[in-house]
C-alpha atoms as a PDB file:
ATOM      1  CA  MET A   1      21.466  21.049 112.150  1.00  0.00           C
ATOM      2  CA  SER A   2      23.151  17.649 112.099  1.00  0.00           C
ATOM      3  CA  ARG A   3      22.646  15.361 109.115  1.00  0.00           C
ATOM      4  CA  SER A   4      22.902  11.639 109.582  1.00  0.00           C
ATOM      5  CA  HIS A   5      24.755   9.615 106.989  1.00  0.00           C
ATOM      6  CA  GLY A   6      23.189   6.370 105.842  1.00  0.00           C
ATOM      7  CA  PHE A   7      19.928   4.979 104.531  1.00  0.00           C
ATOM      8  CA  THR A   8      16.477   5.234 105.967  1.00  0.00           C
ATOM      9  CA  LEU A   9      14.380   2.144 106.441  1.00  0.00           C
ATOM     10  CA  ILE A  10      12.119   3.195 103.562  1.00  0.00           C
ATOM     11  CA  GLU A  11      15.088   3.524 101.177  1.00  0.00           C
ATOM     12  CA  ALA A  12      16.380   0.095 102.173  1.00  0.00           C
ATOM     13  CA  MET A  13      12.934  -1.443 101.672  1.00  0.00           C
ATOM     14  CA  ILE A  14      12.652   0.126  98.208  1.00  0.00           C
ATOM     15  CA  VAL A  15      16.043  -1.305  97.203  1.00  0.00           C
ATOM     16  CA  VAL A  16      15.102  -4.774  98.494  1.00  0.00           C
ATOM     17  CA  THR A  17      11.774  -4.615  96.631  1.00  0.00           C
ATOM     18  CA  VAL A  18      13.452  -3.601  93.363  1.00  0.00           C
ATOM     19  CA  LEU A  19      16.024  -6.402  93.745  1.00  0.00           C
ATOM     20  CA  GLY A  20      13.218  -8.897  94.402  1.00  0.00           C
ATOM     21  CA  ILE A  21      11.365  -7.824  91.273  1.00  0.00           C
ATOM     22  CA  LEU A  22      14.535  -8.095  89.187  1.00  0.00           C
ATOM     23  CA  ALA A  23      15.273 -11.562  90.591  1.00  0.00           C
ATOM     24  CA  ALA A  24      11.711 -12.671  89.820  1.00  0.00           C
ATOM     25  CA  ILE A  25      12.211 -11.602  86.212  1.00  0.00           C
ATOM     26  CA  ILE A  26      15.762 -12.871  85.714  1.00  0.00           C
ATOM     27  CA  PHE A  27      15.682 -16.288  87.440  1.00  0.00           C
ATOM     28  CA  PRO A  28      13.105 -17.961  85.137  1.00  0.00           C
ATOM     29  CA  SER A  29      14.951 -16.677  82.081  1.00  0.00           C
ATOM     30  CA  TYR A  30      18.242 -17.998  83.430  1.00  0.00           C
ATOM     31  CA  SER A  31      16.705 -21.383  84.264  1.00  0.00           C
ATOM     32  CA  ALA A  32      15.291 -21.682  80.738  1.00  0.00           C
ATOM     33  CA  TYR A  33      18.707 -20.750  79.324  1.00  0.00           C
ATOM     34  CA  VAL A  34      20.413 -23.496  81.369  1.00  0.00           C
ATOM     35  CA  LEU A  35      17.874 -26.082  80.178  1.00  0.00           C
ATOM     36  CA  ARG A  36      18.423 -25.057  76.531  1.00  0.00           C
ATOM     37  CA  ALA A  37      22.216 -25.175  76.948  1.00  0.00           C
ATOM     38  CA  ASN A  38      22.018 -28.645  78.502  1.00  0.00           C
ATOM     39  CA  ARG A  39      19.665 -29.732  75.710  1.00  0.00           C
ATOM     40  CA  ALA A  40      22.265 -28.591  73.173  1.00  0.00           C
ATOM     41  CA  ALA A  41      24.841 -30.758  74.958  1.00  0.00           C
ATOM     42  CA  GLY A  42      22.387 -33.676  74.851  1.00  0.00           C
ATOM     43  CA  LYS A  43      21.802 -33.234  71.123  1.00  0.00           C
ATOM     44  CA  ALA A  44      25.550 -33.066  70.490  1.00  0.00           C
ATOM     45  CA  ALA A  45      26.078 -36.263  72.497  1.00  0.00           C
ATOM     46  CA  VAL A  46      23.360 -38.081  70.548  1.00  0.00           C
ATOM     47  CA  MET A  47      24.885 -36.998  67.254  1.00  0.00           C
ATOM     48  CA  ARG A  48      28.349 -38.045  68.459  1.00  0.00           C
ATOM     49  CA  ILE A  49      27.039 -41.519  69.287  1.00  0.00           C
ATOM     50  CA  ALA A  50      25.246 -41.674  65.915  1.00  0.00           C
ATOM     51  CA  GLY A  51      28.537 -40.828  64.210  1.00  0.00           C
ATOM     52  CA  GLN A  52      30.251 -43.642  66.086  1.00  0.00           C
ATOM     53  CA  GLN A  53      27.461 -46.026  65.065  1.00  0.00           C
ATOM     54  CA  GLU A  54      27.860 -45.043  61.412  1.00  0.00           C
ATOM     55  CA  SER A  55      31.638 -45.400  61.625  1.00  0.00           C
ATOM     56  CA  LEU A  56      31.251 -48.887  63.101  1.00  0.00           C
ATOM     57  CA  TYR A  57      28.794 -49.775  60.344  1.00  0.00           C
ATOM     58  CA  THR A  58      31.308 -48.639  57.724  1.00  0.00           C
ATOM     59  CA  ASP A  59      33.977 -50.892  59.253  1.00  0.00           C
ATOM     60  CA  ARG A  60      31.916 -53.965  60.181  1.00  0.00           C
ATOM     61  CA  LYS A  61      28.700 -53.673  58.140  1.00  0.00           C
ATOM     62  CA  ALA A  62      26.712 -53.848  61.395  1.00  0.00           C
ATOM     63  CA  TYR A  63      25.599 -51.386  64.049  1.00  0.00           C
ATOM     64  CA  ALA A  64      26.484 -51.854  67.711  1.00  0.00           C
ATOM     65  CA  ALA A  65      23.755 -53.602  69.686  1.00  0.00           C
ATOM     66  CA  SER A  66      24.271 -51.225  72.639  1.00  0.00           C
ATOM     67  CA  LEU A  67      26.594 -48.492  73.807  1.00  0.00           C
ATOM     68  CA  ALA A  68      28.714 -51.151  75.543  1.00  0.00           C
ATOM     69  CA  ASP A  69      29.588 -52.540  72.105  1.00  0.00           C
ATOM     70  CA  LEU A  70      30.319 -49.111  70.674  1.00  0.00           C
ATOM     71  CA  SER A  71      33.251 -47.821  72.682  1.00  0.00           C
ATOM     72  CA  PRO A  72      35.818 -49.391  75.037  1.00  0.00           C
ATOM     73  CA  GLY A  73      34.939 -48.830  78.688  1.00  0.00           C
ATOM     74  CA  TRP A  74      31.326 -47.969  77.988  1.00  0.00           C
ATOM     75  CA  VAL A  75      28.328 -49.755  79.481  1.00  0.00           C
ATOM     76  CA  ALA A  76      24.878 -50.261  77.962  1.00  0.00           C
ATOM     77  CA  THR A  77      23.566 -47.081  79.600  1.00  0.00           C
ATOM     78  CA  MET A  78      25.863 -44.073  79.663  1.00  0.00           C
ATOM     79  CA  HIS A  79      25.301 -40.734  81.357  1.00  0.00           C
ATOM     80  CA  LEU A  80      26.102 -37.311  79.983  1.00  0.00           C
ATOM     81  CA  ARG A  81      27.546 -34.771  82.413  1.00  0.00           C
ATOM     82  CA  ARG A  82      27.001 -31.027  82.273  1.00  0.00           C
ATOM     83  CA  ASP A  83      30.505 -30.572  80.856  1.00  0.00           C
ATOM     84  CA  GLY A  84      29.612 -32.709  77.813  1.00  0.00           C
ATOM     85  CA  ASN A  85      31.607 -35.777  78.856  1.00  0.00           C
ATOM     86  CA  PHE A  86      30.251 -39.300  79.217  1.00  0.00           C
ATOM     87  CA  GLN A  87      30.382 -41.311  82.433  1.00  0.00           C
ATOM     88  CA  ASN A  88      29.495 -44.895  83.309  1.00  0.00           C
ATOM     89  CA  GLY A  89      27.568 -44.250  86.522  1.00  0.00           C
ATOM     90  CA  ASP A  90      24.799 -41.910  87.537  1.00  0.00           C
ATOM     91  CA  THR A  91      25.816 -38.909  89.654  1.00  0.00           C
ATOM     92  CA  ALA A  92      24.293 -35.507  90.395  1.00  0.00           C
ATOM     93  CA  GLU A  93      26.409 -34.092  87.537  1.00  0.00           C
ATOM     94  CA  ALA A  94      24.546 -36.221  84.979  1.00  0.00           C
ATOM     95  CA  ILE A  95      21.932 -34.465  82.862  1.00  0.00           C
ATOM     96  CA  TYR A  96      20.987 -37.208  80.366  1.00  0.00           C
ATOM     97  CA  ARG A  97      20.774 -41.013  80.432  1.00  0.00           C
ATOM     98  CA  LEU A  98      21.884 -42.297  77.003  1.00  0.00           C
ATOM     99  CA  THR A  99      20.963 -45.591  75.378  1.00  0.00           C
ATOM    100  CA  SER A 100      21.252 -47.061  71.909  1.00  0.00           C
ATOM    101  CA  THR A 101      19.016 -49.929  70.898  1.00  0.00           C
ATOM    102  CA  PRO A 102      18.954 -51.955  67.695  1.00  0.00           C
ATOM    103  CA  THR A 103      16.020 -51.761  65.305  1.00  0.00           C
ATOM    104  CA  ALA A 104      15.169 -53.850  62.255  1.00  0.00           C
ATOM    105  CA  SER A 105      17.033 -51.458  59.988  1.00  0.00           C
ATOM    106  CA  GLY A 106      19.571 -49.819  62.295  1.00  0.00           C
ATOM    107  CA  PHE A 107      19.489 -48.195  65.719  1.00  0.00           C
ATOM    108  CA  THR A 108      17.659 -45.711  67.920  1.00  0.00           C
ATOM    109  CA  ILE A 109      19.500 -43.440  70.360  1.00  0.00           C
ATOM    110  CA  ARG A 110      17.623 -41.974  73.309  1.00  0.00           C
ATOM    111  CA  ALA A 111      18.785 -39.184  75.617  1.00  0.00           C
ATOM    112  CA  GLU A 112      16.458 -39.112  78.613  1.00  0.00           C
ATOM    113  CA  PRO A 113      16.733 -36.002  80.808  1.00  0.00           C
ATOM    114  CA  ILE A 114      17.546 -36.744  84.467  1.00  0.00           C
ATOM    115  CA  HIS A 115      18.206 -34.810  87.670  1.00  0.00           C
ATOM    116  CA  THR A 116      18.099 -31.046  87.054  1.00  0.00           C
ATOM    117  CA  GLN A 117      17.482 -31.543  83.326  1.00  0.00           C
ATOM    118  CA  ALA A 118      14.309 -33.521  84.110  1.00  0.00           C
ATOM    119  CA  ARG A 119      12.606 -30.106  84.384  1.00  0.00           C
ATOM    120  CA  ASP A 120      12.867 -29.901  80.585  1.00  0.00           C
ATOM    121  CA  ILE A 121       9.248 -30.893  80.036  1.00  0.00           C
ATOM    122  CA  GLU A 122       9.185 -28.787  76.875  1.00  0.00           C
ATOM    123  CA  CYS A 123      11.209 -31.329  74.869  1.00  0.00           C
ATOM    124  CA  GLY A 124      11.677 -34.331  77.168  1.00  0.00           C
ATOM    125  CA  THR A 125      13.630 -37.280  75.781  1.00  0.00           C
ATOM    126  CA  LEU A 126      15.663 -36.647  72.628  1.00  0.00           C
ATOM    127  CA  ILE A 127      15.347 -39.477  70.103  1.00  0.00           C
ATOM    128  CA  TYR A 128      17.424 -40.092  66.962  1.00  0.00           C
ATOM    129  CA  ASP A 129      17.358 -43.096  64.665  1.00  0.00           C
ATOM    130  CA  SER A 130      19.578 -44.426  61.913  1.00  0.00           C
ATOM    131  CA  THR A 131      17.299 -43.019  59.218  1.00  0.00           C
ATOM    132  CA  GLY A 132      18.096 -39.517  60.469  1.00  0.00           C
ATOM    133  CA  LEU A 133      14.700 -38.956  62.096  1.00  0.00           C
ATOM    134  CA  LYS A 134      14.963 -36.576  65.062  1.00  0.00           C
ATOM    135  CA  THR A 135      12.031 -36.579  67.498  1.00  0.00           C
ATOM    136  CA  THR A 136      11.296 -36.064  71.176  1.00  0.00           C
ATOM    137  CA  SER A 137       9.032 -37.749  73.687  1.00  0.00           C
ATOM    138  CA  THR A 138       6.824 -34.640  73.616  1.00  0.00           C
ATOM    139  CA  LEU A 139       6.639 -34.711  69.804  1.00  0.00           C
ATOM    140  CA  ARG A 140       7.476 -31.011  69.727  1.00  0.00           C
ATOM    141  CA  ALA A 141       8.849 -30.320  66.246  1.00  0.00           C
ATOM    142  CA  ASP A 142      11.328 -27.537  66.997  1.00  0.00           C
ATOM    143  CA  CYS A 143      13.367 -29.059  69.849  1.00  0.00           C
ATOM    144  CA  TRP A 144      16.107 -30.272  67.518  1.00  0.00           C
ATOM    145  CA  SER A 145      16.308 -27.024  65.565  1.00  0.00           C
ATOM    146  CA  ARG A 146      16.764 -24.548  68.394  1.00  0.00           C
END
């Protein structure tokens, strides 16, 4: 009696089905992880800009009117890339559009999610002001703490 080496069609279909189920479970978790990691980069960028604003205030007794006034080579609207660096123009690598606007008592920094990060409907735009208030466009309370 000769035995054939290899897989039957049923065995191959079972393996493909199991892989499909695993992918269906893993992909949403991975996507949520990427959004949270990008959000952490956005929060760090906002806090970095806030630190620069406070440093400028210490030196000049005034906050910068926009990001263009805050750092050499910057424009009024900066973009944050996935790697955590700022860039002047919008490209597919950008995950947040950053702005800083003056208020009566200081400034407000906004990090608006764009491109792939725009799927972050859970927290939306990250907002920080010179009083230390951290909010989001969705008004979800825990976006800044996790």
